[in-house]
């Protein structure tokens, strides 16, 4: 639905309304309605209205005019991968890489009308690399030496 909304808004032919995050929109509208309700007026001795704040009464919540909706719409793993390595007489090293891609959609929604004001879709590529080295060799008769070492780095996904 997010990708369809993005395409419809980009065409300029449609007025796109928020329905995917409808519950959040309705909750925000309830907050607006609650803040618009006025407490019953208390009349003072001279007949003028008096604003009385009870000690345990909470002030109304501040309403938002704009709401941000959206999230991850695609996560493609192993889009591209590969590596290289060499081993000679049981001693060797290798390097591997992997590429993932995450796509997010973010919409700015007018709380009063439910209209999607702006719609942004973007992708980020995440790179991972792995380096390994090892030895697998007989050092004497019936004595086997086996060593492995390596490390992996993953690019942070939240950048």
N, C-alpha and C. Protein backbone atom coordinates (compact mmCIF):
# COMPACT_ATOMS: atom_id res chain seq x y z
N UNK A 1 0.82 -1.19 0.00
CA UNK A 1 0.00 0.00 0.00
C UNK A 1 0.86 1.26 0.00
N UNK A 2 2.00 1.21 0.71
CA UNK A 2 2.87 2.39 0.78
C UNK A 2 3.44 2.74 -0.59
N UNK A 3 3.83 1.74 -1.34
CA UNK A 3 4.39 2.00 -2.67
C UNK A 3 3.33 2.52 -3.63
N UNK A 4 2.11 2.02 -3.49
CA UNK A 4 1.00 2.50 -4.32
C UNK A 4 0.69 3.96 -4.00
N UNK A 5 0.66 4.29 -2.71
CA UNK A 5 0.41 5.68 -2.31
C UNK A 5 1.50 6.60 -2.85
N UNK A 6 2.74 6.14 -2.83
CA UNK A 6 3.85 6.93 -3.35
C UNK A 6 3.67 7.19 -4.85
N UNK A 7 3.30 6.16 -5.60
CA UNK A 7 3.11 6.30 -7.05
C UNK A 7 1.92 7.21 -7.36
N UNK A 8 0.83 7.07 -6.60
CA UNK A 8 -0.35 7.91 -6.85
C UNK A 8 -0.06 9.38 -6.57
N UNK A 9 0.66 9.64 -5.48
CA UNK A 9 0.96 11.03 -5.16
C UNK A 9 1.96 11.62 -6.16
N UNK A 10 2.92 10.83 -6.60
CA UNK A 10 3.91 11.31 -7.56
C UNK A 10 3.27 11.66 -8.90
N UNK A 11 2.17 10.99 -9.24
CA UNK A 11 1.51 11.27 -10.53
C UNK A 11 0.86 12.65 -10.53
N UNK A 12 0.45 13.13 -9.35
CA UNK A 12 -0.21 14.43 -9.27
C UNK A 12 -1.68 14.40 -9.65
N UNK A 13 -2.21 13.25 -9.97
CA UNK A 13 -3.61 13.13 -10.39
C UNK A 13 -4.55 12.85 -9.23
N UNK A 14 -4.04 12.46 -8.09
CA UNK A 14 -4.88 12.02 -6.98
C UNK A 14 -4.59 12.83 -5.73
N UNK A 15 -5.62 12.98 -4.90
CA UNK A 15 -5.45 13.49 -3.55
C UNK A 15 -5.41 12.24 -2.67
N UNK A 16 -4.25 11.94 -2.14
CA UNK A 16 -4.05 10.70 -1.39
C UNK A 16 -4.41 10.94 0.07
N UNK A 17 -5.25 10.07 0.61
CA UNK A 17 -5.68 10.14 2.00
C UNK A 17 -5.10 8.97 2.77
N UNK A 18 -4.78 9.21 4.05
CA UNK A 18 -4.17 8.18 4.89
C UNK A 18 -5.23 7.21 5.38
N UNK A 19 -5.02 5.94 5.10
CA UNK A 19 -5.89 4.88 5.62
C UNK A 19 -5.08 3.74 6.23
N UNK A 20 -3.81 3.68 5.87
CA UNK A 20 -2.97 2.60 6.40
C UNK A 20 -2.78 2.76 7.91
N UNK A 21 -2.52 3.98 8.37
CA UNK A 21 -2.36 4.25 9.80
C UNK A 21 -3.58 4.94 10.35
N UNK A 22 -4.76 4.46 9.97
CA UNK A 22 -6.02 5.12 10.33
C UNK A 22 -6.23 5.18 11.84
N UNK A 23 -5.86 4.12 12.56
CA UNK A 23 -6.08 4.11 14.01
C UNK A 23 -5.27 5.22 14.69
N UNK A 24 -4.04 5.45 14.25
CA UNK A 24 -3.23 6.53 14.82
C UNK A 24 -3.85 7.89 14.51
N UNK A 25 -4.37 8.04 13.31
CA UNK A 25 -5.02 9.29 12.91
C UNK A 25 -6.27 9.55 13.76
N UNK A 26 -7.08 8.52 13.96
CA UNK A 26 -8.30 8.67 14.77
C UNK A 26 -7.96 8.98 16.23
N UNK A 27 -6.91 8.37 16.75
CA UNK A 27 -6.50 8.65 18.13
C UNK A 27 -6.06 10.10 18.27
N UNK A 28 -5.33 10.61 17.32
CA UNK A 28 -4.89 12.00 17.37
C UNK A 28 -6.08 12.95 17.28
N UNK A 29 -7.07 12.59 16.49
CA UNK A 29 -8.27 13.42 16.39
C UNK A 29 -9.07 13.40 17.70
N UNK A 30 -9.06 12.29 18.41
CA UNK A 30 -9.72 12.23 19.73
C UNK A 30 -9.03 13.18 20.70
N UNK A 31 -7.71 13.26 20.62
CA UNK A 31 -6.96 14.18 21.48
C UNK A 31 -7.35 15.62 21.17
N UNK A 32 -7.52 15.94 19.89
CA UNK A 32 -7.93 17.29 19.50
C UNK A 32 -9.32 17.60 20.05
N UNK A 33 -10.24 16.65 19.89
CA UNK A 33 -11.61 16.87 20.40
C UNK A 33 -11.61 17.07 21.91
N UNK A 34 -10.82 16.27 22.63
CA UNK A 34 -10.78 16.38 24.09
C UNK A 34 -10.21 17.73 24.52
N UNK A 35 -9.25 18.26 23.78
CA UNK A 35 -8.68 19.56 24.15
C UNK A 35 -9.63 20.71 23.81
N UNK A 36 -10.56 20.48 22.87
CA UNK A 36 -11.51 21.53 22.50
C UNK A 36 -12.70 21.60 23.45
N UNK A 37 -12.93 20.54 24.22
CA UNK A 37 -14.04 20.56 25.18
C UNK A 37 -13.70 21.54 26.30
N UNK A 38 -14.66 22.38 26.61
CA UNK A 38 -14.45 23.35 27.67
C UNK A 38 -15.17 22.86 28.92
N UNK A 39 -14.51 22.99 30.07
CA UNK A 39 -15.18 22.57 31.31
C UNK A 39 -16.35 23.51 31.60
N UNK A 40 -17.31 23.02 32.34
CA UNK A 40 -18.45 23.89 32.66
C UNK A 40 -17.97 25.13 33.40
N UNK A 41 -18.53 26.26 33.01
CA UNK A 41 -18.10 27.53 33.59
C UNK A 41 -18.60 27.65 35.03
N UNK A 42 -17.71 28.13 35.87
CA UNK A 42 -18.07 28.42 37.26
C UNK A 42 -18.23 29.93 37.36
N UNK A 43 -19.34 30.34 37.93
CA UNK A 43 -19.63 31.77 38.02
C UNK A 43 -19.22 32.26 39.40
N UNK A 44 -18.46 33.34 39.40
CA UNK A 44 -17.99 33.93 40.66
C UNK A 44 -19.09 34.75 41.31
N UNK A 45 -18.78 35.32 42.46
CA UNK A 45 -19.80 36.10 43.20
C UNK A 45 -20.27 37.34 42.44
N UNK A 46 -19.41 37.88 41.56
CA UNK A 46 -19.83 39.07 40.82
C UNK A 46 -20.48 38.71 39.48
N UNK A 47 -20.68 37.41 39.20
CA UNK A 47 -21.33 36.97 37.97
C UNK A 47 -20.38 36.71 36.83
N UNK A 48 -19.08 36.96 37.01
CA UNK A 48 -18.08 36.72 35.97
C UNK A 48 -17.61 35.26 36.03
N UNK A 49 -17.32 34.65 34.86
CA UNK A 49 -16.84 33.26 34.89
C UNK A 49 -15.45 33.18 35.53
N UNK A 50 -15.26 32.11 36.29
CA UNK A 50 -13.99 31.88 36.99
C UNK A 50 -13.40 30.57 36.47
N UNK A 51 -12.12 30.58 36.14
CA UNK A 51 -11.44 29.37 35.68
C UNK A 51 -10.90 28.63 36.90
N UNK A 52 -11.47 27.47 37.18
CA UNK A 52 -11.08 26.69 38.35
C UNK A 52 -10.30 25.46 37.87
N UNK A 53 -9.09 25.30 38.38
CA UNK A 53 -8.26 24.12 38.06
C UNK A 53 -8.23 23.25 39.31
N UNK A 54 -8.79 22.06 39.20
CA UNK A 54 -8.75 21.13 40.32
C UNK A 54 -7.32 20.66 40.53
N UNK A 55 -6.91 20.36 41.78
CA UNK A 55 -5.51 20.02 42.03
C UNK A 55 -5.04 18.74 41.32
N UNK A 56 -5.89 17.76 41.13
CA UNK A 56 -5.50 16.50 40.50
C UNK A 56 -5.85 16.44 39.01
N UNK A 57 -6.38 17.51 38.48
CA UNK A 57 -6.80 17.52 37.08
C UNK A 57 -5.60 17.76 36.17
N UNK A 58 -5.48 16.95 35.15
CA UNK A 58 -4.39 17.10 34.18
C UNK A 58 -4.78 18.11 33.11
N UNK A 59 -3.82 18.88 32.64
CA UNK A 59 -4.13 19.77 31.52
C UNK A 59 -4.33 18.94 30.26
N UNK A 60 -5.04 19.47 29.27
CA UNK A 60 -5.25 18.70 28.03
C UNK A 60 -3.92 18.47 27.29
N UNK A 61 -3.86 17.37 26.56
CA UNK A 61 -2.68 17.07 25.75
C UNK A 61 -2.56 18.06 24.61
N UNK A 62 -1.34 18.38 24.25
CA UNK A 62 -1.09 19.23 23.09
C UNK A 62 -1.35 18.39 21.84
N UNK A 63 -2.17 18.88 20.96
CA UNK A 63 -2.52 18.13 19.75
C UNK A 63 -1.48 18.37 18.66
N UNK A 64 -1.29 17.37 17.83
CA UNK A 64 -0.37 17.48 16.69
C UNK A 64 -1.16 17.84 15.43
N UNK A 65 -0.60 18.71 14.63
CA UNK A 65 -1.22 19.05 13.35
C UNK A 65 -0.72 18.15 12.23
N UNK A 66 0.44 17.56 12.43
CA UNK A 66 1.09 16.74 11.42
C UNK A 66 1.52 15.43 12.07
N UNK A 67 1.32 14.35 11.36
CA UNK A 67 1.67 13.03 11.88
C UNK A 67 2.57 12.34 10.85
N UNK A 68 3.61 11.67 11.33
CA UNK A 68 4.50 10.92 10.45
C UNK A 68 4.16 9.45 10.53
N UNK A 69 3.95 8.83 9.39
CA UNK A 69 3.62 7.41 9.29
C UNK A 69 4.62 6.76 8.35
N UNK A 70 4.69 5.45 8.41
CA UNK A 70 5.54 4.72 7.47
C UNK A 70 6.35 3.67 8.18
N UNK A 71 7.31 3.13 7.47
CA UNK A 71 8.17 2.09 8.03
C UNK A 71 8.94 1.38 6.94
N UNK A 72 9.48 0.24 7.31
CA UNK A 72 10.25 -0.56 6.36
C UNK A 72 9.28 -1.28 5.44
N UNK A 73 9.45 -1.09 4.15
CA UNK A 73 8.57 -1.74 3.17
C UNK A 73 9.27 -2.88 2.45
N UNK A 74 10.60 -2.94 2.52
CA UNK A 74 11.32 -4.05 1.87
C UNK A 74 12.68 -4.22 2.54
N UNK A 75 13.08 -5.47 2.70
CA UNK A 75 14.43 -5.79 3.16
C UNK A 75 14.91 -6.96 2.32
N UNK A 76 15.78 -6.67 1.38
CA UNK A 76 16.29 -7.69 0.46
C UNK A 76 17.66 -8.14 0.94
N UNK A 77 17.76 -9.41 1.29
CA UNK A 77 19.03 -9.94 1.78
C UNK A 77 19.80 -10.57 0.64
N UNK A 78 21.10 -10.50 0.76
CA UNK A 78 22.00 -11.16 -0.18
C UNK A 78 21.74 -10.73 -1.62
N UNK A 79 21.59 -9.42 -1.83
CA UNK A 79 21.38 -8.89 -3.17
C UNK A 79 22.57 -9.23 -4.06
N UNK A 80 23.74 -9.13 -3.47
CA UNK A 80 24.97 -9.47 -4.19
C UNK A 80 25.95 -10.02 -3.16
N UNK A 81 26.68 -11.06 -3.51
CA UNK A 81 27.69 -11.61 -2.61
C UNK A 81 28.82 -12.21 -3.42
N UNK A 82 29.93 -12.39 -2.76
CA UNK A 82 31.08 -12.97 -3.45
C UNK A 82 32.26 -13.06 -2.51
N UNK A 83 33.37 -13.42 -3.05
CA UNK A 83 34.57 -13.53 -2.24
C UNK A 83 35.71 -14.11 -3.03
N UNK A 84 36.84 -14.24 -2.34
CA UNK A 84 38.01 -14.83 -2.94
C UNK A 84 38.87 -15.41 -1.83
N UNK A 85 39.70 -16.33 -2.18
CA UNK A 85 40.57 -16.95 -1.20
C UNK A 85 41.59 -17.85 -1.87
N UNK A 86 42.57 -18.25 -1.08
CA UNK A 86 43.61 -19.15 -1.59
C UNK A 86 44.08 -20.04 -0.44
N UNK A 87 44.46 -21.24 -0.79
CA UNK A 87 44.97 -22.18 0.19
C UNK A 87 46.07 -23.00 -0.50
N UNK A 88 47.21 -23.11 0.20
CA UNK A 88 48.32 -23.88 -0.36
C UNK A 88 48.95 -24.69 0.77
N UNK A 89 49.00 -25.98 0.58
CA UNK A 89 49.56 -26.90 1.56
C UNK A 89 48.92 -26.71 2.94
N UNK A 90 47.63 -26.47 2.95
CA UNK A 90 46.88 -26.35 4.20
C UNK A 90 46.91 -24.99 4.84
N UNK A 91 47.56 -24.01 4.26
CA UNK A 91 47.63 -22.66 4.81
C UNK A 91 46.92 -21.73 3.82
N UNK A 92 45.99 -20.90 4.34
CA UNK A 92 45.27 -20.04 3.41
C UNK A 92 44.49 -18.92 4.09
N UNK A 93 43.91 -18.10 3.26
CA UNK A 93 43.10 -16.97 3.72
C UNK A 93 41.98 -16.74 2.71
N UNK A 94 40.92 -16.09 3.18
CA UNK A 94 39.81 -15.78 2.29
C UNK A 94 39.12 -14.51 2.74
N UNK A 95 38.41 -13.92 1.80
CA UNK A 95 37.63 -12.71 2.06
C UNK A 95 36.30 -12.87 1.35
N UNK A 96 35.19 -12.52 2.05
CA UNK A 96 33.85 -12.61 1.47
C UNK A 96 33.12 -11.30 1.72
N UNK A 97 32.15 -11.00 0.87
CA UNK A 97 31.32 -9.83 1.08
C UNK A 97 29.87 -10.18 0.77
N UNK A 98 28.98 -9.36 1.32
CA UNK A 98 27.55 -9.54 1.10
C UNK A 98 26.90 -8.17 1.11
N UNK A 99 25.90 -7.99 0.26
CA UNK A 99 25.20 -6.71 0.15
C UNK A 99 23.71 -6.95 0.39
N UNK A 100 23.13 -6.22 1.34
CA UNK A 100 21.70 -6.23 1.61
C UNK A 100 21.14 -4.85 1.29
N UNK A 101 19.83 -4.76 1.10
CA UNK A 101 19.21 -3.47 0.80
C UNK A 101 17.90 -3.34 1.58
N UNK A 102 17.73 -2.21 2.25
CA UNK A 102 16.51 -1.93 3.00
C UNK A 102 15.83 -0.70 2.37
N UNK A 103 14.49 -0.76 2.24
CA UNK A 103 13.71 0.33 1.66
C UNK A 103 12.68 0.78 2.69
N UNK A 104 12.61 2.09 2.92
CA UNK A 104 11.63 2.63 3.86
C UNK A 104 10.74 3.64 3.16
N UNK A 105 9.55 3.82 3.73
CA UNK A 105 8.58 4.80 3.24
C UNK A 105 8.17 5.66 4.42
N UNK A 106 8.14 6.97 4.23
CA UNK A 106 7.75 7.90 5.27
C UNK A 106 6.75 8.89 4.69
N UNK A 107 5.61 9.07 5.41
CA UNK A 107 4.56 9.97 4.94
C UNK A 107 4.27 11.02 6.01
N UNK A 108 4.04 12.25 5.57
CA UNK A 108 3.57 13.32 6.45
C UNK A 108 2.08 13.48 6.20
N UNK A 109 1.28 13.31 7.27
CA UNK A 109 -0.18 13.31 7.14
C UNK A 109 -0.76 14.48 7.93
N UNK A 110 -1.66 15.24 7.29
CA UNK A 110 -2.40 16.31 7.96
C UNK A 110 -3.46 15.67 8.84
N UNK A 111 -3.40 15.92 10.15
CA UNK A 111 -4.31 15.26 11.09
C UNK A 111 -5.75 15.73 10.87
N UNK A 112 -5.95 16.98 10.52
CA UNK A 112 -7.32 17.49 10.38
C UNK A 112 -8.04 16.92 9.16
N UNK A 113 -7.33 16.76 8.04
CA UNK A 113 -8.00 16.28 6.83
C UNK A 113 -7.69 14.83 6.48
N UNK A 114 -6.61 14.28 7.03
CA UNK A 114 -6.20 12.93 6.68
C UNK A 114 -5.46 12.86 5.36
N UNK A 115 -5.16 14.00 4.77
CA UNK A 115 -4.47 14.03 3.48
C UNK A 115 -2.97 13.81 3.67
N UNK A 116 -2.40 13.01 2.77
CA UNK A 116 -0.96 12.78 2.77
C UNK A 116 -0.31 13.98 2.09
N UNK A 117 0.45 14.76 2.86
CA UNK A 117 1.07 15.98 2.34
C UNK A 117 2.37 15.69 1.60
N UNK A 118 3.14 14.77 2.11
CA UNK A 118 4.42 14.41 1.47
C UNK A 118 4.66 12.93 1.66
N UNK A 119 5.30 12.33 0.68
CA UNK A 119 5.55 10.89 0.70
C UNK A 119 6.97 10.67 0.18
N UNK A 120 7.81 10.05 1.00
CA UNK A 120 9.20 9.83 0.62
C UNK A 120 9.52 8.35 0.73
N UNK A 121 10.14 7.81 -0.31
CA UNK A 121 10.60 6.43 -0.28
C UNK A 121 12.09 6.45 -0.59
N UNK A 122 12.87 5.77 0.24
CA UNK A 122 14.31 5.74 0.04
C UNK A 122 14.86 4.37 0.38
N UNK A 123 16.04 4.08 -0.15
CA UNK A 123 16.69 2.79 0.08
C UNK A 123 18.09 3.01 0.62
N UNK A 124 18.57 2.04 1.37
CA UNK A 124 19.93 2.07 1.87
C UNK A 124 20.56 0.72 1.63
N UNK A 125 21.79 0.73 1.15
CA UNK A 125 22.55 -0.49 0.92
C UNK A 125 23.41 -0.76 2.15
N UNK A 126 23.40 -2.00 2.61
CA UNK A 126 24.16 -2.39 3.80
C UNK A 126 25.22 -3.39 3.36
N UNK A 127 26.48 -3.07 3.65
CA UNK A 127 27.59 -3.92 3.25
C UNK A 127 28.11 -4.71 4.45
N UNK A 128 28.44 -5.98 4.22
CA UNK A 128 29.05 -6.84 5.23
C UNK A 128 30.27 -7.50 4.61
N UNK A 129 31.36 -7.56 5.36
CA UNK A 129 32.57 -8.22 4.87
C UNK A 129 33.09 -9.17 5.93
N UNK A 130 33.75 -10.22 5.48
CA UNK A 130 34.30 -11.24 6.37
C UNK A 130 35.71 -11.59 5.89
N UNK A 131 36.65 -11.65 6.82
CA UNK A 131 38.03 -12.02 6.53
C UNK A 131 38.40 -13.23 7.39
N UNK A 132 38.97 -14.26 6.77
CA UNK A 132 39.32 -15.49 7.48
C UNK A 132 40.72 -15.93 7.07
N UNK A 133 41.41 -16.57 8.01
CA UNK A 133 42.71 -17.19 7.73
C UNK A 133 42.77 -18.49 8.52
N UNK A 134 43.48 -19.46 7.98
CA UNK A 134 43.55 -20.73 8.69
C UNK A 134 44.73 -21.57 8.26
N UNK A 135 45.05 -22.51 9.15
CA UNK A 135 46.11 -23.48 8.91
C UNK A 135 45.55 -24.86 9.23
N UNK A 136 45.78 -25.81 8.35
CA UNK A 136 45.39 -27.21 8.56
C UNK A 136 46.55 -28.04 8.03
N UNK A 137 47.43 -28.48 8.95
CA UNK A 137 48.68 -29.09 8.50
C UNK A 137 49.17 -30.12 9.51
N UNK A 138 49.73 -31.20 9.00
CA UNK A 138 50.41 -32.16 9.84
C UNK A 138 51.82 -31.63 10.12
N UNK A 139 52.15 -31.43 11.39
CA UNK A 139 53.48 -30.95 11.75
C UNK A 139 54.44 -32.10 12.05
N UNK A 140 53.89 -33.22 12.51
CA UNK A 140 54.64 -34.47 12.72
C UNK A 140 53.69 -35.61 12.43
N UNK A 141 54.23 -36.81 12.45
CA UNK A 141 53.40 -37.98 12.23
C UNK A 141 52.35 -38.05 13.33
N UNK A 142 51.09 -38.11 12.98
CA UNK A 142 49.93 -38.17 13.88
C UNK A 142 49.76 -36.91 14.73
N UNK A 143 50.38 -35.80 14.34
CA UNK A 143 50.18 -34.54 15.05
C UNK A 143 49.68 -33.51 14.03
N UNK A 144 48.45 -33.07 14.25
CA UNK A 144 47.78 -32.17 13.31
C UNK A 144 47.68 -30.78 13.93
N UNK A 145 48.04 -29.76 13.18
CA UNK A 145 47.89 -28.37 13.60
C UNK A 145 46.71 -27.78 12.82
N UNK A 146 45.77 -27.26 13.57
CA UNK A 146 44.62 -26.61 12.93
C UNK A 146 44.35 -25.29 13.65
N UNK A 147 44.43 -24.19 12.95
CA UNK A 147 44.18 -22.85 13.47
C UNK A 147 43.23 -22.12 12.54
N UNK A 148 42.34 -21.34 13.13
CA UNK A 148 41.43 -20.49 12.34
C UNK A 148 41.30 -19.15 13.04
N UNK A 149 41.21 -18.11 12.27
CA UNK A 149 40.97 -16.77 12.80
C UNK A 149 40.19 -15.99 11.75
N UNK A 150 39.43 -15.03 12.22
CA UNK A 150 38.67 -14.22 11.28
C UNK A 150 37.86 -13.16 11.99
N UNK A 151 37.37 -12.24 11.22
CA UNK A 151 36.47 -11.24 11.76
C UNK A 151 35.51 -10.77 10.67
N UNK A 152 34.40 -10.23 11.12
CA UNK A 152 33.35 -9.77 10.22
C UNK A 152 32.99 -8.33 10.58
N UNK A 153 32.72 -7.52 9.60
CA UNK A 153 32.22 -6.17 9.84
C UNK A 153 30.89 -6.00 9.11
N UNK A 154 29.95 -5.37 9.79
CA UNK A 154 28.64 -5.08 9.22
C UNK A 154 28.42 -3.57 9.30
N UNK A 155 28.04 -2.99 8.20
CA UNK A 155 27.73 -1.56 8.19
C UNK A 155 26.47 -1.34 9.01
N UNK A 156 26.42 -0.30 9.84
CA UNK A 156 25.20 -0.05 10.62
C UNK A 156 24.00 0.20 9.71
N UNK A 157 22.89 -0.44 10.02
CA UNK A 157 21.69 -0.31 9.19
C UNK A 157 20.94 0.99 9.45
N UNK A 158 21.15 1.63 10.60
CA UNK A 158 20.36 2.81 10.96
C UNK A 158 20.92 4.11 10.41
N UNK A 159 22.01 4.10 9.69
CA UNK A 159 22.55 5.35 9.14
C UNK A 159 21.90 5.70 7.83
